[in-house]
Structures are given as C-alpha cells and as structure tokens.
Amino acid sequence: KAFLLQAEEQFSQMDFEAAGVLYEAAILSSKRHKFLNEEALANELAGYFYLDTGKKMKSIHYFSQAFQKYTEWGALAKA
C-alpha cells in the first residue's frame, strides 16, 4: 500500500519518472505477497497514470492486468 500511495503522490506532484517506478514497485510487492485486490488496484491506477501521461498502449497493458486480477479476486462488478 505504501508504494501505491507514494506513486499517487508523485503523480500528483508531476514527478512522472518516480511515479512510474513506484507503481511498478506496488504491483510487484502486492504480487509477491499474493494480495490480489491490491495488485488489481495498483494495475488500474497505473493504467490511469499512463493514459493521463499520453502512453495509451502502456495503459492498455495495465488495464488488462487489472481486469484479470479483479476477475481472479472475484470482483466481477469491478472488472
């Protein structure tokens, strides 16, 4: 959770390089600890980050991962 909060903070401060690194750290940390809900959310927010910074193809990857993780978690309404 800490990585994700830090990523959002860096994004809001327009430090896009740091934000990208922190989103990836959030995804990897949640994956390592098997927190599907946090992995799904981190992928979703990374998707919005890349969409907002003009990296549409990269955002599609993260949104796809978010969809997959929400589905695995059973959050079908969110997926």
C-alpha atoms as a PDB file:
ATOM      1  CA  LYS A   1       0.000   0.000   0.000  1.00  0.00           C
ATOM      2  CA  ALA A   2       2.816   2.383   0.799  1.00  0.00           C
ATOM      3  CA  PHE A   3       4.289   2.147  -2.704  1.00  0.00           C
ATOM      4  CA  LEU A   4       0.896   2.856  -4.237  1.00  0.00           C
ATOM      5  CA  LEU A   5       0.292   5.889  -2.037  1.00  0.00           C
ATOM      6  CA  GLN A   6       3.759   7.199  -2.850  1.00  0.00           C
ATOM      7  CA  ALA A   7       3.132   6.640  -6.574  1.00  0.00           C
ATOM      8  CA  GLU A   8      -0.090   8.633  -6.418  1.00  0.00           C
ATOM      9  CA  GLU A   9       1.666  11.407  -4.507  1.00  0.00           C
ATOM     10  CA  GLN A  10       4.475  11.604  -7.086  1.00  0.00           C
ATOM     11  CA  PHE A  11       1.938  11.575  -9.908  1.00  0.00           C
ATOM     12  CA  SER A  12       0.047  14.468  -8.319  1.00  0.00           C
ATOM     13  CA  GLN A  13       3.338  16.363  -7.972  1.00  0.00           C
ATOM     14  CA  MET A  14       4.079  15.663 -11.651  1.00  0.00           C
ATOM     15  CA  ASP A  15       7.195  13.598 -10.922  1.00  0.00           C
ATOM     16  CA  PHE A  16       6.280  11.082 -13.597  1.00  0.00           C
ATOM     17  CA  GLU A  17       9.534   9.140 -13.536  1.00  0.00           C
ATOM     18  CA  ALA A  18       9.300   8.434  -9.808  1.00  0.00           C
ATOM     19  CA  ALA A  19       5.585   7.668 -10.096  1.00  0.00           C
ATOM     20  CA  GLY A  20       6.189   5.037 -12.792  1.00  0.00           C
ATOM     21  CA  VAL A  21       8.840   3.323 -10.680  1.00  0.00           C
ATOM     22  CA  LEU A  22       6.569   3.348  -7.633  1.00  0.00           C
ATOM     23  CA  TYR A  23       3.543   1.957  -9.492  1.00  0.00           C
ATOM     24  CA  GLU A  24       5.716  -0.926 -10.661  1.00  0.00           C
ATOM     25  CA  ALA A  25       7.018  -1.445  -7.112  1.00  0.00           C
ATOM     26  CA  ALA A  26       3.423  -1.508  -5.820  1.00  0.00           C
ATOM     27  CA  ILE A  27       2.448  -4.123  -8.387  1.00  0.00           C
ATOM     28  CA  LEU A  28       5.470  -6.311  -7.688  1.00  0.00           C
ATOM     29  CA  SER A  29       5.071  -6.050  -3.913  1.00  0.00           C
ATOM     30  CA  SER A  30       1.385  -6.963  -3.977  1.00  0.00           C
ATOM     31  CA  LYS A  31       2.123  -9.848  -6.353  1.00  0.00           C
ATOM     32  CA  ARG A  32       4.914 -11.131  -4.097  1.00  0.00           C
ATOM     33  CA  HIS A  33       2.594 -11.053  -1.072  1.00  0.00           C
ATOM     34  CA  LYS A  34      -0.330 -12.510  -3.059  1.00  0.00           C
ATOM     35  CA  PHE A  35      -2.664  -9.557  -2.386  1.00  0.00           C
ATOM     36  CA  LEU A  36      -4.869  -9.839  -5.486  1.00  0.00           C
ATOM     37  CA  ASN A  37      -7.038  -6.862  -4.551  1.00  0.00           C
ATOM     38  CA  GLU A  38      -4.037  -4.562  -4.146  1.00  0.00           C
ATOM     39  CA  GLU A  39      -2.415  -5.887  -7.315  1.00  0.00           C
ATOM     40  CA  ALA A  40      -5.612  -5.193  -9.235  1.00  0.00           C
ATOM     41  CA  LEU A  41      -5.887  -1.664  -7.841  1.00  0.00           C
ATOM     42  CA  ALA A  42      -2.205  -0.904  -8.481  1.00  0.00           C
ATOM     43  CA  ASN A  43      -2.574  -2.037 -12.099  1.00  0.00           C
ATOM     44  CA  GLU A  44      -5.742   0.026 -12.524  1.00  0.00           C
ATOM     45  CA  LEU A  45      -4.143   3.180 -11.144  1.00  0.00           C
ATOM     46  CA  ALA A  46      -1.008   2.600 -13.222  1.00  0.00           C
ATOM     47  CA  GLY A  47      -3.294   2.336 -16.240  1.00  0.00           C
ATOM     48  CA  TYR A  48      -4.819   5.734 -15.469  1.00  0.00           C
ATOM     49  CA  PHE A  49      -1.351   7.152 -14.877  1.00  0.00           C
ATOM     50  CA  TYR A  50      -0.064   6.022 -18.265  1.00  0.00           C
ATOM     51  CA  LEU A  51      -3.264   7.111 -20.000  1.00  0.00           C
ATOM     52  CA  ASP A  52      -3.013  10.574 -18.451  1.00  0.00           C
ATOM     53  CA  THR A  53       0.653  10.874 -19.443  1.00  0.00           C
ATOM     54  CA  GLY A  54      -0.063  10.019 -23.075  1.00  0.00           C
ATOM     55  CA  LYS A  55       1.149   6.408 -23.094  1.00  0.00           C
ATOM     56  CA  LYS A  56      -2.029   4.779 -24.351  1.00  0.00           C
ATOM     57  CA  MET A  57      -0.545   1.408 -25.321  1.00  0.00           C
ATOM     58  CA  LYS A  58       1.146   1.047 -21.943  1.00  0.00           C
ATOM     59  CA  SER A  59      -2.103   1.963 -20.193  1.00  0.00           C
ATOM     60  CA  ILE A  60      -3.946  -0.780 -22.081  1.00  0.00           C
ATOM     61  CA  HIS A  61      -1.491  -3.339 -20.704  1.00  0.00           C
ATOM     62  CA  TYR A  62      -2.086  -2.216 -17.109  1.00  0.00           C
ATOM     63  CA  PHE A  63      -5.868  -2.029 -17.534  1.00  0.00           C
ATOM     64  CA  SER A  64      -5.813  -5.567 -18.946  1.00  0.00           C
ATOM     65  CA  GLN A  65      -3.816  -6.770 -15.960  1.00  0.00           C
ATOM     66  CA  ALA A  66      -6.250  -5.003 -13.612  1.00  0.00           C
ATOM     67  CA  PHE A  67      -9.199  -6.707 -15.317  1.00  0.00           C
ATOM     68  CA  GLN A  68      -7.513 -10.095 -14.968  1.00  0.00           C
ATOM     69  CA  LYS A  69      -6.678  -9.577 -11.283  1.00  0.00           C
ATOM     70  CA  TYR A  70     -10.143  -8.240 -10.405  1.00  0.00           C
ATOM     71  CA  THR A  71     -11.623 -11.304 -12.115  1.00  0.00           C
ATOM     72  CA  GLU A  72      -9.268 -13.677 -10.236  1.00  0.00           C
ATOM     73  CA  TRP A  73     -10.211 -11.950  -6.991  1.00  0.00           C
ATOM     74  CA  GLY A  74     -13.901 -12.403  -7.774  1.00  0.00           C
ATOM     75  CA  ALA A  75     -14.717  -8.708  -8.060  1.00  0.00           C
ATOM     76  CA  LEU A  76     -16.731  -9.204 -11.217  1.00  0.00           C
ATOM     77  CA  ALA A  77     -18.678  -5.963 -10.811  1.00  0.00           C
ATOM     78  CA  LYS A  78     -15.388  -4.052 -10.725  1.00  0.00           C
ATOM     79  CA  ALA A  79     -13.928  -5.994 -13.646  1.00  0.00           C
END
